[in-house]
Amino acid sequence: MTDHALAEARVLAAALAGRTPVDVTPEELLESPHIFIGSISALTDKFVRQREELGISSIMVGELGPLDPGVERMSGT
C-alpha cells in the first residue's frame, strides 16, 4: 500500500533488471495483472478493471486487513 506507486515500481523494476532476458518498465509493472502496488483506491480500481476486462474475480494478496475498504467497496458490484 502506497501513495507513491510509480516510485515503488521503479525500485521493483530495478531489482528485476537483468534477472530475465526481458526487462520491464515501472509502467508495465503497474499494469501487470500480477503486481499490486498503489493506494487502496488505485488497487480497487485495478481489481474492478481486471474483473471486467480479464474475467479475474479471485485475487490472492496475503494479509487482507489493509485492503478491507477495497473489499467493502467491491462487494456490492
PDB file of N, CA and C in Angstrom:
ATOM      1  N   MET A   1       0.841  -1.158   0.000  1.00  0.00           N
ATOM      2  CA  MET A   1       0.000   0.000   0.000  1.00  0.00           C
ATOM      3  C   MET A   1       0.899   1.239   0.000  1.00  0.00           C
ATOM      4  N   THR A   2       0.670   2.095  -0.982  1.00  0.00           N
ATOM      5  CA  THR A   2       1.476   3.310  -1.074  1.00  0.00           C
ATOM      6  C   THR A   2       0.761   4.341  -1.929  1.00  0.00           C
ATOM      7  N   ASP A   3       1.029   5.580  -1.643  1.00  0.00           N
ATOM      8  CA  ASP A   3       0.546   6.670  -2.496  1.00  0.00           C
ATOM      9  C   ASP A   3       1.597   7.044  -3.531  1.00  0.00           C
ATOM     10  N   HIS A   4       2.695   6.294  -3.567  1.00  0.00           N
ATOM     11  CA  HIS A   4       3.803   6.575  -4.480  1.00  0.00           C
ATOM     12  C   HIS A   4       4.091   5.342  -5.337  1.00  0.00           C
ATOM     13  N   ALA A   5       3.075   4.902  -6.067  1.00  0.00           N
ATOM     14  CA  ALA A   5       3.159   3.648  -6.816  1.00  0.00           C
ATOM     15  C   ALA A   5       4.281   3.656  -7.855  1.00  0.00           C
ATOM     16  N   LEU A   6       4.416   4.742  -8.587  1.00  0.00           N
ATOM     17  CA  LEU A   6       5.432   4.774  -9.635  1.00  0.00           C
ATOM     18  C   LEU A   6       6.839   4.672  -9.042  1.00  0.00           C
ATOM     19  N   ALA A   7       7.078   5.364  -7.941  1.00  0.00           N
ATOM     20  CA  ALA A   7       8.392   5.289  -7.288  1.00  0.00           C
ATOM     21  C   ALA A   7       8.667   3.863  -6.809  1.00  0.00           C
ATOM     22  N   GLU A   8       7.684   3.212  -6.227  1.00  0.00           N
ATOM     23  CA  GLU A   8       7.859   1.827  -5.769  1.00  0.00           C
ATOM     24  C   GLU A   8       8.061   0.886  -6.952  1.00  0.00           C
ATOM     25  N   ALA A   9       7.352   1.136  -8.058  1.00  0.00           N
ATOM     26  CA  ALA A   9       7.511   0.301  -9.250  1.00  0.00           C
ATOM     27  C   ALA A   9       8.899   0.485  -9.855  1.00  0.00           C
ATOM     28  N   ARG A  10       9.449   1.682  -9.751  1.00  0.00           N
ATOM     29  CA  ARG A  10      10.829   1.906 -10.228  1.00  0.00           C
ATOM     30  C   ARG A  10      11.822   1.059  -9.439  1.00  0.00           C
ATOM     31  N   VAL A  11      11.626   1.000  -8.135  1.00  0.00           N
ATOM     32  CA  VAL A  11      12.500   0.192  -7.281  1.00  0.00           C
ATOM     33  C   VAL A  11      12.387  -1.281  -7.675  1.00  0.00           C
ATOM     34  N   LEU A  12      11.167  -1.755  -7.883  1.00  0.00           N
ATOM     35  CA  LEU A  12      10.962  -3.145  -8.261  1.00  0.00           C
ATOM     36  C   LEU A  12      11.553  -3.437  -9.642  1.00  0.00           C
ATOM     37  N   ALA A  13      11.342  -2.536 -10.597  1.00  0.00           N
ATOM     38  CA  ALA A  13      11.898  -2.726 -11.943  1.00  0.00           C
ATOM     39  C   ALA A  13      13.424  -2.806 -11.886  1.00  0.00           C
ATOM     40  N   ALA A  14      14.032  -1.974 -11.082  1.00  0.00           N
ATOM     41  CA  ALA A  14      15.491  -2.002 -10.941  1.00  0.00           C
ATOM     42  C   ALA A  14      15.950  -3.318 -10.321  1.00  0.00           C
ATOM     43  N   ALA A  15      15.202  -3.817  -9.342  1.00  0.00           N
ATOM     44  CA  ALA A  15      15.560  -5.078  -8.703  1.00  0.00           C
ATOM     45  C   ALA A  15      15.426  -6.258  -9.657  1.00  0.00           C
ATOM     46  N   LEU A  16      14.475  -6.160 -10.582  1.00  0.00           N
ATOM     47  CA  LEU A  16      14.245  -7.241 -11.543  1.00  0.00           C
ATOM     48  C   LEU A  16      15.149  -7.156 -12.769  1.00  0.00           C
ATOM     49  N   ALA A  17      15.720  -5.986 -13.010  1.00  0.00           N
ATOM     50  CA  ALA A  17      16.541  -5.769 -14.213  1.00  0.00           C
ATOM     51  C   ALA A  17      17.665  -6.799 -14.287  1.00  0.00           C
ATOM     52  N   GLY A  18      17.777  -7.415 -15.449  1.00  0.00           N
ATOM     53  CA  GLY A  18      18.838  -8.370 -15.682  1.00  0.00           C
ATOM     54  C   GLY A  18      18.559  -9.778 -15.193  1.00  0.00           C
ATOM     55  N   ARG A  19      17.475  -9.974 -14.478  1.00  0.00           N
ATOM     56  CA  ARG A  19      17.158 -11.310 -13.963  1.00  0.00           C
ATOM     57  C   ARG A  19      16.477 -12.181 -15.010  1.00  0.00           C
ATOM     58  N   THR A  20      15.927 -11.543 -16.025  1.00  0.00           N
ATOM     59  CA  THR A  20      15.301 -12.268 -17.132  1.00  0.00           C
ATOM     60  C   THR A  20      15.782 -11.626 -18.427  1.00  0.00           C
ATOM     61  N   PRO A  21      15.583 -12.288 -19.553  1.00  0.00           N
ATOM     62  CA  PRO A  21      16.034 -11.713 -20.827  1.00  0.00           C
ATOM     63  C   PRO A  21      15.311 -10.409 -21.206  1.00  0.00           C
ATOM     64  N   VAL A  22      14.145 -10.193 -20.636  1.00  0.00           N
ATOM     65  CA  VAL A  22      13.359  -9.003 -20.972  1.00  0.00           C
ATOM     66  C   VAL A  22      13.185  -8.152 -19.714  1.00  0.00           C
ATOM     67  N   ASP A  23      13.628  -6.922 -19.775  1.00  0.00           N
ATOM     68  CA  ASP A  23      13.403  -6.004 -18.659  1.00  0.00           C
ATOM     69  C   ASP A  23      12.036  -5.353 -18.818  1.00  0.00           C
ATOM     70  N   VAL A  24      11.400  -5.055 -17.711  1.00  0.00           N
ATOM     71  CA  VAL A  24      10.093  -4.405 -17.736  1.00  0.00           C
ATOM     72  C   VAL A  24      10.217  -3.003 -17.164  1.00  0.00           C
ATOM     73  N   THR A  25       9.366  -2.121 -17.656  1.00  0.00           N
ATOM     74  CA  THR A  25       9.347  -0.746 -17.165  1.00  0.00           C
ATOM     75  C   THR A  25       8.479  -0.672 -15.912  1.00  0.00           C
ATOM     76  N   PRO A  26       8.647   0.373 -15.135  1.00  0.00           N
ATOM     77  CA  PRO A  26       7.767   0.562 -13.983  1.00  0.00           C
ATOM     78  C   PRO A  26       6.295   0.623 -14.396  1.00  0.00           C
ATOM     79  N   GLU A  27       6.030   1.259 -15.522  1.00  0.00           N
ATOM     80  CA  GLU A  27       4.642   1.375 -16.001  1.00  0.00           C
ATOM     81  C   GLU A  27       4.071   0.000 -16.355  1.00  0.00           C
ATOM     82  N   GLU A  28       4.904  -0.849 -16.966  1.00  0.00           N
ATOM     83  CA  GLU A  28       4.453  -2.199 -17.292  1.00  0.00           C
ATOM     84  C   GLU A  28       4.169  -3.003 -16.025  1.00  0.00           C
ATOM     85  N   LEU A  29       4.967  -2.810 -15.016  1.00  0.00           N
ATOM     86  CA  LEU A  29       4.721  -3.495 -13.750  1.00  0.00           C
ATOM     87  C   LEU A  29       3.388  -3.067 -13.148  1.00  0.00           C
ATOM     88  N   LEU A  30       3.114  -1.770 -13.177  1.00  0.00           N
ATOM     89  CA  LEU A  30       1.866  -1.276 -12.604  1.00  0.00           C
ATOM     90  C   LEU A  30       0.647  -1.784 -13.363  1.00  0.00           C
ATOM     91  N   GLU A  31       0.789  -2.037 -14.656  1.00  0.00           N
ATOM     92  CA  GLU A  31      -0.317  -2.548 -15.459  1.00  0.00           C
ATOM     93  C   GLU A  31      -0.451  -4.065 -15.388  1.00  0.00           C
ATOM     94  N   SER A  32       0.570  -4.740 -14.906  1.00  0.00           N
ATOM     95  CA  SER A  32       0.555  -6.198 -14.842  1.00  0.00           C
ATOM     96  C   SER A  32      -0.572  -6.698 -13.940  1.00  0.00           C
ATOM     97  N   PRO A  33      -1.269  -7.757 -14.372  1.00  0.00           N
ATOM     98  CA  PRO A  33      -2.318  -8.322 -13.510  1.00  0.00           C
ATOM     99  C   PRO A  33      -1.747  -9.107 -12.327  1.00  0.00           C
ATOM    100  N   HIS A  34      -0.429  -9.177 -12.224  1.00  0.00           N
ATOM    101  CA  HIS A  34       0.217  -9.946 -11.162  1.00  0.00           C
ATOM    102  C   HIS A  34       0.892  -9.077 -10.107  1.00  0.00           C
ATOM    103  N   ILE A  35       0.952  -7.776 -10.333  1.00  0.00           N
ATOM    104  CA  ILE A  35       1.645  -6.856  -9.428  1.00  0.00           C
ATOM    105  C   ILE A  35       0.626  -5.891  -8.832  1.00  0.00           C
ATOM    106  N   PHE A  36       0.668  -5.743  -7.515  1.00  0.00           N
ATOM    107  CA  PHE A  36      -0.284  -4.872  -6.822  1.00  0.00           C
ATOM    108  C   PHE A  36       0.472  -3.854  -5.988  1.00  0.00           C
ATOM    109  N   ILE A  37       0.667  -2.679  -6.571  1.00  0.00           N
ATOM    110  CA  ILE A  37       1.348  -1.571  -5.906  1.00  0.00           C
ATOM    111  C   ILE A  37       0.457  -0.350  -6.077  1.00  0.00           C
ATOM    112  N   GLY A  38       0.100   0.310  -4.997  1.00  0.00           N
ATOM    113  CA  GLY A  38      -0.688   1.529  -5.118  1.00  0.00           C
ATOM    114  C   GLY A  38      -1.512   1.809  -3.880  1.00  0.00           C
ATOM    115  N   SER A  39      -2.311   2.842  -3.987  1.00  0.00           N
ATOM    116  CA  SER A  39      -3.213   3.225  -2.904  1.00  0.00           C
ATOM    117  C   SER A  39      -4.413   2.278  -2.905  1.00  0.00           C
ATOM    118  N   ILE A  40      -5.179   2.295  -1.839  1.00  0.00           N
ATOM    119  CA  ILE A  40      -6.363   1.437  -1.769  1.00  0.00           C
ATOM    120  C   ILE A  40      -7.320   1.754  -2.917  1.00  0.00           C
ATOM    121  N   SER A  41      -7.466   3.019  -3.234  1.00  0.00           N
ATOM    122  CA  SER A  41      -8.348   3.418  -4.325  1.00  0.00           C
ATOM    123  C   SER A  41      -7.841   2.911  -5.672  1.00  0.00           C
ATOM    124  N   ALA A  42      -6.548   3.080  -5.919  1.00  0.00           N
ATOM    125  CA  ALA A  42      -5.966   2.634  -7.190  1.00  0.00           C
ATOM    126  C   ALA A  42      -6.043   1.118  -7.325  1.00  0.00           C
ATOM    127  N   LEU A  43      -5.777   0.394  -6.245  1.00  0.00           N
ATOM    128  CA  LEU A  43      -5.830  -1.063  -6.302  1.00  0.00           C
ATOM    129  C   LEU A  43      -7.258  -1.555  -6.496  1.00  0.00           C
ATOM    130  N   THR A  44      -8.206  -0.921  -5.827  1.00  0.00           N
ATOM    131  CA  THR A  44      -9.598  -1.306  -6.007  1.00  0.00           C
ATOM    132  C   THR A  44     -10.012  -1.090  -7.455  1.00  0.00           C
ATOM    133  N   ASP A  45      -9.637   0.039  -8.028  1.00  0.00           N
ATOM    134  CA  ASP A  45      -9.934   0.294  -9.445  1.00  0.00           C
ATOM    135  C   ASP A  45      -9.290  -0.772 -10.330  1.00  0.00           C
ATOM    136  N   LYS A  46      -8.064  -1.158 -10.016  1.00  0.00           N
ATOM    137  CA  LYS A  46      -7.368  -2.176 -10.799  1.00  0.00           C
ATOM    138  C   LYS A  46      -8.090  -3.517 -10.693  1.00  0.00           C
ATOM    139  N   PHE A  47      -8.524  -3.897  -9.497  1.00  0.00           N
ATOM    140  CA  PHE A  47      -9.240  -5.159  -9.321  1.00  0.00           C
ATOM    141  C   PHE A  47     -10.541  -5.167 -10.131  1.00  0.00           C
ATOM    142  N   VAL A  48     -11.250  -4.054 -10.105  1.00  0.00           N
ATOM    143  CA  VAL A  48     -12.504  -3.957 -10.876  1.00  0.00           C
ATOM    144  C   VAL A  48     -12.203  -4.063 -12.368  1.00  0.00           C
ATOM    145  N   ARG A  49     -11.171  -3.357 -12.840  1.00  0.00           N
ATOM    146  CA  ARG A  49     -10.769  -3.420 -14.255  1.00  0.00           C
ATOM    147  C   ARG A  49     -10.410  -4.844 -14.660  1.00  0.00           C
ATOM    148  N   GLN A  50      -9.653  -5.523 -13.803  1.00  0.00           N
ATOM    149  CA  GLN A  50      -9.264  -6.895 -14.114  1.00  0.00           C
ATOM    150  C   GLN A  50     -10.480  -7.812 -14.197  1.00  0.00           C
ATOM    151  N   ARG A  51     -11.438  -7.576 -13.330  1.00  0.00           N
ATOM    152  CA  ARG A  51     -12.654  -8.391 -13.365  1.00  0.00           C
ATOM    153  C   ARG A  51     -13.417  -8.144 -14.660  1.00  0.00           C
ATOM    154  N   GLU A  52     -13.554  -6.868 -15.036  1.00  0.00           N
ATOM    155  CA  GLU A  52     -14.317  -6.516 -16.230  1.00  0.00           C
ATOM    156  C   GLU A  52     -13.596  -6.896 -17.520  1.00  0.00           C
ATOM    157  N   GLU A  53     -12.286  -6.659 -17.596  1.00  0.00           N
ATOM    158  CA  GLU A  53     -11.542  -6.854 -18.839  1.00  0.00           C
ATOM    159  C   GLU A  53     -10.977  -8.265 -18.999  1.00  0.00           C
ATOM    160  N   LEU A  54     -10.585  -8.895 -17.893  1.00  0.00           N
ATOM    161  CA  LEU A  54      -9.905 -10.181 -17.978  1.00  0.00           C
ATOM    162  C   LEU A  54     -10.696 -11.332 -17.358  1.00  0.00           C
ATOM    163  N   GLY A  55     -11.796 -11.014 -16.693  1.00  0.00           N
ATOM    164  CA  GLY A  55     -12.592 -12.052 -16.048  1.00  0.00           C
ATOM    165  C   GLY A  55     -11.981 -12.577 -14.760  1.00  0.00           C
ATOM    166  N   ILE A  56     -11.002 -11.850 -14.210  1.00  0.00           N
ATOM    167  CA  ILE A  56     -10.355 -12.273 -12.957  1.00  0.00           C
ATOM    168  C   ILE A  56     -11.210 -11.783 -11.797  1.00  0.00           C
ATOM    169  N   SER A  57     -11.755 -12.728 -11.032  1.00  0.00           N
ATOM    170  CA  SER A  57     -12.606 -12.325  -9.914  1.00  0.00           C
ATOM    171  C   SER A  57     -12.102 -12.849  -8.577  1.00  0.00           C
ATOM    172  N   SER A  58     -10.960 -13.520  -8.581  1.00  0.00           N
ATOM    173  CA  SER A  58     -10.367 -14.022  -7.351  1.00  0.00           C
ATOM    174  C   SER A  58      -8.890 -13.659  -7.354  1.00  0.00           C
ATOM    175  N   ILE A  59      -8.453 -12.973  -6.291  1.00  0.00           N
ATOM    176  CA  ILE A  59      -7.076 -12.492  -6.225  1.00  0.00           C
ATOM    177  C   ILE A  59      -6.493 -12.862  -4.867  1.00  0.00           C
ATOM    178  N   MET A  60      -5.317 -13.458  -4.872  1.00  0.00           N
ATOM    179  CA  MET A  60      -4.633 -13.805  -3.629  1.00  0.00           C
ATOM    180  C   MET A  60      -3.652 -12.686  -3.299  1.00  0.00           C
ATOM    181  N   VAL A  61      -3.799 -12.086  -2.114  1.00  0.00           N
ATOM    182  CA  VAL A  61      -2.961 -10.942  -1.765  1.00  0.00           C
ATOM    183  C   VAL A  61      -2.277 -11.055  -0.414  1.00  0.00           C
ATOM    184  N   GLY A  62      -2.427 -12.140   0.282  1.00  0.00           N
ATOM    185  CA  GLY A  62      -1.830 -12.231   1.611  1.00  0.00           C
ATOM    186  C   GLY A  62      -2.753 -11.616   2.648  1.00  0.00           C
ATOM    187  N   GLU A  63      -2.189 -10.850   3.568  1.00  0.00           N
ATOM    188  CA  GLU A  63      -2.993 -10.240   4.627  1.00  0.00           C
ATOM    189  C   GLU A  63      -4.010  -9.284   4.043  1.00  0.00           C
ATOM    190  N   LEU A  64      -5.260  -9.444   4.447  1.00  0.00           N
ATOM    191  CA  LEU A  64      -6.341  -8.659   3.862  1.00  0.00           C
ATOM    192  C   LEU A  64      -6.565  -7.334   4.574  1.00  0.00           C
ATOM    193  N   GLY A  65      -6.211  -7.198   5.808  1.00  0.00           N
ATOM    194  CA  GLY A  65      -6.503  -6.005   6.603  1.00  0.00           C
ATOM    195  C   GLY A  65      -6.406  -4.682   5.876  1.00  0.00           C
ATOM    196  N   PRO A  66      -5.273  -4.362   5.249  1.00  0.00           N
ATOM    197  CA  PRO A  66      -5.161  -3.079   4.568  1.00  0.00           C
ATOM    198  C   PRO A  66      -6.110  -2.934   3.379  1.00  0.00           C
ATOM    199  N   LEU A  67      -6.590  -4.048   2.843  1.00  0.00           N
ATOM    200  CA  LEU A  67      -7.484  -3.992   1.683  1.00  0.00           C
ATOM    201  C   LEU A  67      -8.964  -4.033   2.056  1.00  0.00           C
ATOM    202  N   ASP A  68      -9.280  -4.085   3.353  1.00  0.00           N
ATOM    203  CA  ASP A  68     -10.673  -4.156   3.793  1.00  0.00           C
ATOM    204  C   ASP A  68     -11.562  -3.100   3.139  1.00  0.00           C
ATOM    205  N   PRO A  69     -11.140  -1.823   3.076  1.00  0.00           N
ATOM    206  CA  PRO A  69     -12.009  -0.822   2.438  1.00  0.00           C
ATOM    207  C   PRO A  69     -12.288  -1.139   0.961  1.00  0.00           C
ATOM    208  N   GLY A  70     -11.305  -1.678   0.276  1.00  0.00           N
ATOM    209  CA  GLY A  70     -11.496  -2.044  -1.131  1.00  0.00           C
ATOM    210  C   GLY A  70     -12.450  -3.208  -1.285  1.00  0.00           C
ATOM    211  N   VAL A  71     -12.325  -4.199  -0.399  1.00  0.00           N
ATOM    212  CA  VAL A  71     -13.228  -5.354  -0.430  1.00  0.00           C
ATOM    213  C   VAL A  71     -14.651  -4.885  -0.188  1.00  0.00           C
ATOM    214  N   GLU A  72     -14.834  -4.004   0.776  1.00  0.00           N
ATOM    215  CA  GLU A  72     -16.171  -3.464   1.057  1.00  0.00           C
ATOM    216  C   GLU A  72     -16.724  -2.739  -0.155  1.00  0.00           C
ATOM    217  N   ARG A  73     -15.889  -1.933  -0.808  1.00  0.00           N
ATOM    218  CA  ARG A  73     -16.325  -1.182  -1.986  1.00  0.00           C
ATOM    219  C   ARG A  73     -16.735  -2.116  -3.120  1.00  0.00           C
ATOM    220  N   MET A  74     -15.993  -3.205  -3.301  1.00  0.00           N
ATOM    221  CA  MET A  74     -16.254  -4.126  -4.393  1.00  0.00           C
ATOM    222  C   MET A  74     -17.373  -5.114  -4.094  1.00  0.00           C
ATOM    223  N   SER A  75     -17.722  -5.314  -2.852  1.00  0.00           N
ATOM    224  CA  SER A  75     -18.683  -6.356  -2.500  1.00  0.00           C
ATOM    225  C   SER A  75     -20.059  -6.128  -3.095  1.00  0.00           C
ATOM    226  N   GLY A  76     -20.387  -4.896  -3.395  1.00  0.00           N
ATOM    227  CA  GLY A  76     -21.716  -4.611  -3.958  1.00  0.00           C
ATOM    228  C   GLY A  76     -21.724  -4.550  -5.474  1.00  0.00           C
ATOM    229  N   THR A  77     -20.586  -4.851  -6.124  1.00  0.00           N
ATOM    230  CA  THR A  77     -20.551  -4.741  -7.591  1.00  0.00           C
ATOM    231  C   THR A  77     -20.394  -6.088  -8.230  1.00  0.00           C
TER     232      THR A  77
END
